[in-house]
Amino acid sequence: MSTILTGVSHFWVVLTPAQTTAFILLLSAVLGLVLRGQVSPKSGPVAHVVVVKEKLP
């Protein structure tokens, strides 16, 4: 998203670097809040844990 916004701001929309940064931060925060409700953790263990005990000489 930041790459697209940077390209658009350089060619079509005149935005200062501060405005571009603020928009990217705002968009990231909004997307994070919206998408958080749509994500749920897997049930059960995600990955197996392997414990290796090594004898030192």
N, C-alpha and C. Protein backbone atom coordinates (compact mmCIF):
# COMPACT_ATOMS: atom_id res chain seq x y z
N MET A 1 0.82 -1.19 0.00
CA MET A 1 0.00 0.00 0.00
C MET A 1 0.86 1.25 0.00
N SER A 2 1.95 1.23 0.76
CA SER A 2 2.79 2.43 0.82
C SER A 2 3.46 2.69 -0.52
N THR A 3 3.81 1.64 -1.26
CA THR A 3 4.43 1.82 -2.57
C THR A 3 3.44 2.45 -3.54
N ILE A 4 2.21 1.99 -3.52
CA ILE A 4 1.19 2.55 -4.41
C ILE A 4 0.92 4.00 -4.05
N LEU A 5 0.77 4.28 -2.76
CA LEU A 5 0.50 5.65 -2.33
C LEU A 5 1.66 6.58 -2.67
N THR A 6 2.88 6.10 -2.53
CA THR A 6 4.04 6.92 -2.87
C THR A 6 4.04 7.24 -4.36
N GLY A 7 3.76 6.24 -5.19
CA GLY A 7 3.71 6.47 -6.64
C GLY A 7 2.61 7.44 -7.01
N VAL A 8 1.43 7.27 -6.42
CA VAL A 8 0.31 8.18 -6.71
C VAL A 8 0.64 9.59 -6.25
N SER A 9 1.26 9.72 -5.10
CA SER A 9 1.57 11.05 -4.58
C SER A 9 2.63 11.76 -5.42
N HIS A 10 3.49 11.01 -6.09
CA HIS A 10 4.51 11.65 -6.91
C HIS A 10 3.99 12.06 -8.29
N PHE A 11 2.97 11.37 -8.79
CA PHE A 11 2.54 11.64 -10.15
C PHE A 11 1.20 12.35 -10.26
N TRP A 12 0.23 12.05 -9.38
CA TRP A 12 -1.09 12.63 -9.55
C TRP A 12 -1.52 13.51 -8.39
N VAL A 13 -1.39 13.07 -7.19
CA VAL A 13 -1.85 13.81 -6.02
C VAL A 13 -0.64 14.43 -5.34
N VAL A 14 -0.73 15.70 -5.04
CA VAL A 14 0.40 16.38 -4.41
C VAL A 14 0.24 16.26 -2.90
N LEU A 15 1.08 15.43 -2.29
CA LEU A 15 1.08 15.25 -0.84
C LEU A 15 2.50 15.46 -0.33
N THR A 16 2.59 16.04 0.84
CA THR A 16 3.90 16.18 1.45
C THR A 16 4.31 14.82 2.03
N PRO A 17 5.59 14.62 2.28
CA PRO A 17 6.00 13.36 2.90
C PRO A 17 5.32 13.11 4.25
N ALA A 18 5.07 14.17 5.00
CA ALA A 18 4.39 14.01 6.29
C ALA A 18 2.95 13.55 6.10
N GLN A 19 2.27 14.09 5.09
CA GLN A 19 0.89 13.67 4.82
C GLN A 19 0.85 12.22 4.35
N THR A 20 1.80 11.84 3.51
CA THR A 20 1.86 10.46 3.03
C THR A 20 2.09 9.51 4.20
N THR A 21 3.01 9.85 5.08
CA THR A 21 3.30 9.01 6.24
C THR A 21 2.09 8.90 7.16
N ALA A 22 1.42 10.02 7.41
CA ALA A 22 0.25 10.01 8.28
C ALA A 22 -0.87 9.15 7.68
N PHE A 23 -1.06 9.23 6.37
CA PHE A 23 -2.09 8.44 5.72
C PHE A 23 -1.78 6.95 5.80
N ILE A 24 -0.52 6.59 5.59
CA ILE A 24 -0.12 5.18 5.67
C ILE A 24 -0.31 4.65 7.09
N LEU A 25 0.08 5.43 8.09
CA LEU A 25 -0.12 5.00 9.48
C LEU A 25 -1.59 4.85 9.83
N LEU A 26 -2.41 5.78 9.39
CA LEU A 26 -3.85 5.72 9.65
C LEU A 26 -4.46 4.51 8.96
N LEU A 27 -4.10 4.28 7.70
CA LEU A 27 -4.63 3.14 6.97
C LEU A 27 -4.20 1.82 7.60
N SER A 28 -2.95 1.75 8.04
CA SER A 28 -2.47 0.53 8.70
C SER A 28 -3.22 0.26 10.00
N ALA A 29 -3.49 1.29 10.77
CA ALA A 29 -4.21 1.12 12.02
C ALA A 29 -5.65 0.67 11.77
N VAL A 30 -6.31 1.27 10.79
CA VAL A 30 -7.69 0.91 10.48
C VAL A 30 -7.75 -0.53 9.96
N LEU A 31 -6.86 -0.89 9.05
CA LEU A 31 -6.84 -2.26 8.53
C LEU A 31 -6.54 -3.26 9.64
N GLY A 32 -5.64 -2.92 10.54
CA GLY A 32 -5.34 -3.80 11.66
C GLY A 32 -6.54 -4.04 12.55
N LEU A 33 -7.30 -2.99 12.82
CA LEU A 33 -8.49 -3.13 13.67
C LEU A 33 -9.60 -3.91 12.96
N VAL A 34 -9.76 -3.68 11.67
CA VAL A 34 -10.81 -4.37 10.92
C VAL A 34 -10.46 -5.84 10.75
N LEU A 35 -9.23 -6.12 10.38
CA LEU A 35 -8.84 -7.51 10.11
C LEU A 35 -8.67 -8.33 11.38
N ARG A 36 -8.44 -7.71 12.51
CA ARG A 36 -8.24 -8.44 13.76
C ARG A 36 -9.47 -9.26 14.13
N GLY A 37 -10.64 -8.72 13.86
CA GLY A 37 -11.87 -9.43 14.17
C GLY A 37 -12.12 -10.63 13.25
N GLN A 38 -11.43 -10.68 12.12
CA GLN A 38 -11.64 -11.75 11.16
C GLN A 38 -10.64 -12.90 11.31
N VAL A 39 -9.68 -12.75 12.23
CA VAL A 39 -8.62 -13.75 12.39
C VAL A 39 -8.83 -14.48 13.70
N SER A 40 -8.73 -15.81 13.66
CA SER A 40 -8.84 -16.59 14.88
C SER A 40 -7.68 -17.57 14.94
N PRO A 41 -7.22 -17.89 16.14
CA PRO A 41 -6.09 -18.81 16.25
C PRO A 41 -6.51 -20.24 15.92
N LYS A 42 -5.53 -21.04 15.49
CA LYS A 42 -5.80 -22.45 15.23
C LYS A 42 -6.05 -23.16 16.55
N SER A 43 -6.90 -24.16 16.52
CA SER A 43 -7.10 -24.93 17.73
C SER A 43 -6.05 -26.02 17.82
N GLY A 44 -5.58 -26.26 19.00
CA GLY A 44 -4.54 -27.27 19.19
C GLY A 44 -3.16 -26.68 18.95
N PRO A 45 -2.15 -27.53 19.06
CA PRO A 45 -0.78 -27.04 18.87
C PRO A 45 -0.53 -26.66 17.40
N VAL A 46 0.19 -25.59 17.22
CA VAL A 46 0.49 -25.11 15.87
C VAL A 46 1.66 -25.87 15.29
N ALA A 47 2.69 -26.07 16.09
CA ALA A 47 3.87 -26.80 15.61
C ALA A 47 4.38 -27.69 16.73
N HIS A 48 4.99 -28.78 16.36
CA HIS A 48 5.57 -29.68 17.35
C HIS A 48 6.86 -29.08 17.89
N VAL A 49 7.08 -29.26 19.16
CA VAL A 49 8.29 -28.75 19.79
C VAL A 49 9.25 -29.92 19.96
N VAL A 50 10.46 -29.74 19.47
CA VAL A 50 11.47 -30.78 19.59
C VAL A 50 12.52 -30.29 20.56
N VAL A 51 12.75 -31.06 21.62
CA VAL A 51 13.76 -30.70 22.62
C VAL A 51 14.94 -31.67 22.44
N VAL A 52 16.10 -31.10 22.22
CA VAL A 52 17.30 -31.90 22.01
C VAL A 52 18.22 -31.68 23.21
N LYS A 53 18.53 -32.75 23.91
CA LYS A 53 19.47 -32.66 25.02
C LYS A 53 20.81 -33.18 24.53
N GLU A 54 21.81 -32.35 24.66
CA GLU A 54 23.13 -32.69 24.16
C GLU A 54 24.07 -32.83 25.34
N LYS A 55 24.82 -33.93 25.34
CA LYS A 55 25.81 -34.15 26.41
C LYS A 55 27.11 -33.48 26.00
N LEU A 56 27.60 -32.66 26.90
CA LEU A 56 28.89 -32.00 26.65
C LEU A 56 30.01 -32.84 27.22
N PRO A 57 31.13 -32.91 26.52
CA PRO A 57 32.26 -33.74 27.01
C PRO A 57 32.89 -33.21 28.28
